[in-house]
């Protein structure tokens, strides 16, 4: 069994998987629309990130209840990778343009000196 801190669990958990603290005192499930509590008084409510969650360790697993979401996993993960790639490429292009504009300005400054 592999244990995660809250931040690592959020990064690692896949759609259709559950994560629990020791003794299953807190259990969440990742669905296509977010991370939700399962069981207990917060059952079905979206997880709000609170300080107490950072002091827990979590394990990730799948069970019969969580497998209903498995069919959404691959398409959603492809979409997430595509969105991250697009954001990265847009930022990269913008930085290139800014760098190009700076070098052009520097060129003109030097030209004026001569």
C-alpha atoms as a PDB file:
ATOM      1  CA  UNK A   1       0.000   0.000   0.000  1.00  0.00           C
ATOM      2  CA  UNK A   2       1.366   3.383  -1.003  1.00  0.00           C
ATOM      3  CA  UNK A   3       0.746   6.468   1.143  1.00  0.00           C
ATOM      4  CA  UNK A   4       0.494  10.072  -0.039  1.00  0.00           C
ATOM      5  CA  UNK A   5       0.314  13.501   1.533  1.00  0.00           C
ATOM      6  CA  UNK A   6      -2.800  15.468   0.566  1.00  0.00           C
ATOM      7  CA  UNK A   7      -1.063  17.415  -2.211  1.00  0.00           C
ATOM      8  CA  UNK A   8       0.510  14.295  -3.679  1.00  0.00           C
ATOM      9  CA  UNK A   9      -2.799  12.456  -3.474  1.00  0.00           C
ATOM     10  CA  UNK A  10      -4.600  15.244  -5.371  1.00  0.00           C
ATOM     11  CA  UNK A  11      -1.910  15.130  -8.049  1.00  0.00           C
ATOM     12  CA  UNK A  12      -1.970  11.329  -8.328  1.00  0.00           C
ATOM     13  CA  UNK A  13      -5.620  10.300  -7.972  1.00  0.00           C
ATOM     14  CA  UNK A  14      -7.312   9.420 -11.269  1.00  0.00           C
ATOM     15  CA  UNK A  15     -10.953   9.639 -12.249  1.00  0.00           C
ATOM     16  CA  UNK A  16     -12.807   6.682 -10.778  1.00  0.00           C
ATOM     17  CA  UNK A  17     -10.418   6.234  -7.870  1.00  0.00           C
ATOM     18  CA  UNK A  18     -10.971   6.741  -4.178  1.00  0.00           C
ATOM     19  CA  UNK A  19      -8.540   7.920  -1.534  1.00  0.00           C
ATOM     20  CA  UNK A  20      -8.829   7.303   2.191  1.00  0.00           C
ATOM     21  CA  UNK A  21      -7.007   8.176   5.346  1.00  0.00           C
ATOM     22  CA  UNK A  22      -6.006   5.370   7.753  1.00  0.00           C
ATOM     23  CA  UNK A  23      -9.072   3.694   9.197  1.00  0.00           C
ATOM     24  CA  UNK A  24     -11.193   5.229   6.406  1.00  0.00           C
ATOM     25  CA  UNK A  25     -12.084   8.174   8.631  1.00  0.00           C
ATOM     26  CA  UNK A  26     -12.004  10.378   5.513  1.00  0.00           C
ATOM     27  CA  UNK A  27     -12.725   9.058   2.016  1.00  0.00           C
ATOM     28  CA  UNK A  28     -12.949  10.967  -1.270  1.00  0.00           C
ATOM     29  CA  UNK A  29     -13.654   9.971  -4.859  1.00  0.00           C
ATOM     30  CA  UNK A  30     -12.467  11.712  -8.009  1.00  0.00           C
ATOM     31  CA  UNK A  31     -15.185  12.081 -10.634  1.00  0.00           C
ATOM     32  CA  UNK A  32     -15.089  13.961 -13.952  1.00  0.00           C
ATOM     33  CA  UNK A  33     -16.535  16.989 -12.172  1.00  0.00           C
ATOM     34  CA  UNK A  34     -14.178  17.052  -9.187  1.00  0.00           C
ATOM     35  CA  UNK A  35     -13.225  15.536  -5.848  1.00  0.00           C
ATOM     36  CA  UNK A  36     -16.147  14.531  -3.607  1.00  0.00           C
ATOM     37  CA  UNK A  37     -16.552  13.097  -0.122  1.00  0.00           C
ATOM     38  CA  UNK A  38     -17.940   9.575   0.112  1.00  0.00           C
ATOM     39  CA  UNK A  39     -19.617   8.334   3.243  1.00  0.00           C
ATOM     40  CA  UNK A  40     -20.043  10.171   6.495  1.00  0.00           C
ATOM     41  CA  UNK A  41     -21.742  13.500   7.081  1.00  0.00           C
ATOM     42  CA  UNK A  42     -20.165  15.118   3.999  1.00  0.00           C
ATOM     43  CA  UNK A  43     -21.204  12.343   1.586  1.00  0.00           C
ATOM     44  CA  UNK A  44     -21.635  13.718  -1.934  1.00  0.00           C
ATOM     45  CA  UNK A  45     -20.283  17.180  -1.149  1.00  0.00           C
ATOM     46  CA  UNK A  46     -17.369  18.643  -3.045  1.00  0.00           C
ATOM     47  CA  UNK A  47     -14.099  18.599  -1.087  1.00  0.00           C
ATOM     48  CA  UNK A  48     -13.071  21.990   0.244  1.00  0.00           C
ATOM     49  CA  UNK A  49      -9.358  22.273   0.870  1.00  0.00           C
ATOM     50  CA  UNK A  50      -8.942  22.944   4.591  1.00  0.00           C
ATOM     51  CA  UNK A  51      -5.860  22.952   6.809  1.00  0.00           C
ATOM     52  CA  UNK A  52      -6.696  19.655   8.520  1.00  0.00           C
ATOM     53  CA  UNK A  53      -6.433  17.784   5.206  1.00  0.00           C
ATOM     54  CA  UNK A  54      -2.733  18.621   4.915  1.00  0.00           C
ATOM     55  CA  UNK A  55      -1.872  16.700   8.081  1.00  0.00           C
ATOM     56  CA  UNK A  56      -3.362  13.400   6.858  1.00  0.00           C
ATOM     57  CA  UNK A  57      -1.813  10.594   4.859  1.00  0.00           C
ATOM     58  CA  UNK A  58      -3.890   9.013   2.097  1.00  0.00           C
ATOM     59  CA  UNK A  59      -3.945   5.797   0.114  1.00  0.00           C
ATOM     60  CA  UNK A  60      -5.510   5.531  -3.349  1.00  0.00           C
ATOM     61  CA  UNK A  61      -7.588   2.563  -4.479  1.00  0.00           C
ATOM     62  CA  UNK A  62     -10.518   1.452  -6.625  1.00  0.00           C
ATOM     63  CA  UNK A  63     -13.621  -0.438  -5.596  1.00  0.00           C
ATOM     64  CA  UNK A  64     -16.962  -1.398  -7.190  1.00  0.00           C
ATOM     65  CA  UNK A  65     -18.537   1.968  -6.395  1.00  0.00           C
ATOM     66  CA  UNK A  66     -15.679   3.931  -7.945  1.00  0.00           C
ATOM     67  CA  UNK A  67     -15.436   1.846 -11.134  1.00  0.00           C
ATOM     68  CA  UNK A  68     -18.592   3.430 -12.601  1.00  0.00           C
ATOM     69  CA  UNK A  69     -16.402   6.459 -13.383  1.00  0.00           C
ATOM     70  CA  UNK A  70     -13.627   4.472 -15.057  1.00  0.00           C
ATOM     71  CA  UNK A  71     -15.014   4.944 -18.583  1.00  0.00           C
ATOM     72  CA  UNK A  72     -14.479   8.710 -18.238  1.00  0.00           C
ATOM     73  CA  UNK A  73     -10.839   8.344 -17.209  1.00  0.00           C
ATOM     74  CA  UNK A  74      -9.011   8.109 -20.549  1.00  0.00           C
ATOM     75  CA  UNK A  75     -10.971  10.822 -22.421  1.00  0.00           C
ATOM     76  CA  UNK A  76     -10.677  13.215 -19.456  1.00  0.00           C
ATOM     77  CA  UNK A  77      -6.957  12.568 -18.995  1.00  0.00           C
ATOM     78  CA  UNK A  78      -6.372  13.215 -22.728  1.00  0.00           C
ATOM     79  CA  UNK A  79      -8.331  16.462 -22.431  1.00  0.00           C
ATOM     80  CA  UNK A  80      -6.324  17.536 -19.352  1.00  0.00           C
ATOM     81  CA  UNK A  81      -3.001  16.851 -21.114  1.00  0.00           C
ATOM     82  CA  UNK A  82      -4.220  18.758 -24.182  1.00  0.00           C
ATOM     83  CA  UNK A  83      -5.287  21.753 -22.081  1.00  0.00           C
ATOM     84  CA  UNK A  84      -1.991  21.852 -20.179  1.00  0.00           C
ATOM     85  CA  UNK A  85      -0.025  21.530 -23.428  1.00  0.00           C
ATOM     86  CA  UNK A  86      -2.017  24.369 -25.010  1.00  0.00           C
ATOM     87  CA  UNK A  87      -1.435  26.625 -22.005  1.00  0.00           C
ATOM     88  CA  UNK A  88       2.274  25.838 -22.054  1.00  0.00           C
ATOM     89  CA  UNK A  89       2.583  26.486 -25.783  1.00  0.00           C
ATOM     90  CA  UNK A  90       0.677  29.790 -25.514  1.00  0.00           C
ATOM     91  CA  UNK A  91       2.914  30.943 -22.671  1.00  0.00           C
ATOM     92  CA  UNK A  92       6.014  29.848 -24.551  1.00  0.00           C
ATOM     93  CA  UNK A  93       4.941  31.730 -27.700  1.00  0.00           C
ATOM     94  CA  UNK A  94       4.171  34.841 -25.667  1.00  0.00           C
ATOM     95  CA  UNK A  95       7.584  34.745 -23.998  1.00  0.00           C
ATOM     96  CA  UNK A  96       9.266  34.337 -27.387  1.00  0.00           C
ATOM     97  CA  UNK A  97       7.404  37.391 -28.691  1.00  0.00           C
ATOM     98  CA  UNK A  98       8.382  39.418 -25.613  1.00  0.00           C
ATOM     99  CA  UNK A  99      12.016  38.354 -26.000  1.00  0.00           C
ATOM    100  CA  UNK A 100      11.926  39.232 -29.703  1.00  0.00           C
ATOM    101  CA  UNK A 101      10.421  42.654 -28.953  1.00  0.00           C
ATOM    102  CA  UNK A 102      13.125  43.335 -26.336  1.00  0.00           C
ATOM    103  CA  UNK A 103      15.935  42.375 -28.696  1.00  0.00           C
ATOM    104  CA  UNK A 104      14.463  44.651 -31.395  1.00  0.00           C
ATOM    105  CA  UNK A 105      14.306  47.543 -28.940  1.00  0.00           C
ATOM    106  CA  UNK A 106      17.902  46.896 -27.896  1.00  0.00           C
ATOM    107  CA  UNK A 107      18.997  46.831 -31.540  1.00  0.00           C
ATOM    108  CA  UNK A 108      17.400  50.221 -32.160  1.00  0.00           C
ATOM    109  CA  UNK A 109      19.010  51.687 -29.049  1.00  0.00           C
ATOM    110  CA  UNK A 110      22.431  50.539 -30.204  1.00  0.00           C
ATOM    111  CA  UNK A 111      21.801  51.860 -33.695  1.00  0.00           C
ATOM    112  CA  UNK A 112      21.057  55.322 -32.309  1.00  0.00           C
ATOM    113  CA  UNK A 113      24.398  55.361 -30.484  1.00  0.00           C
ATOM    114  CA  UNK A 114      26.427  54.994 -33.671  1.00  0.00           C
END
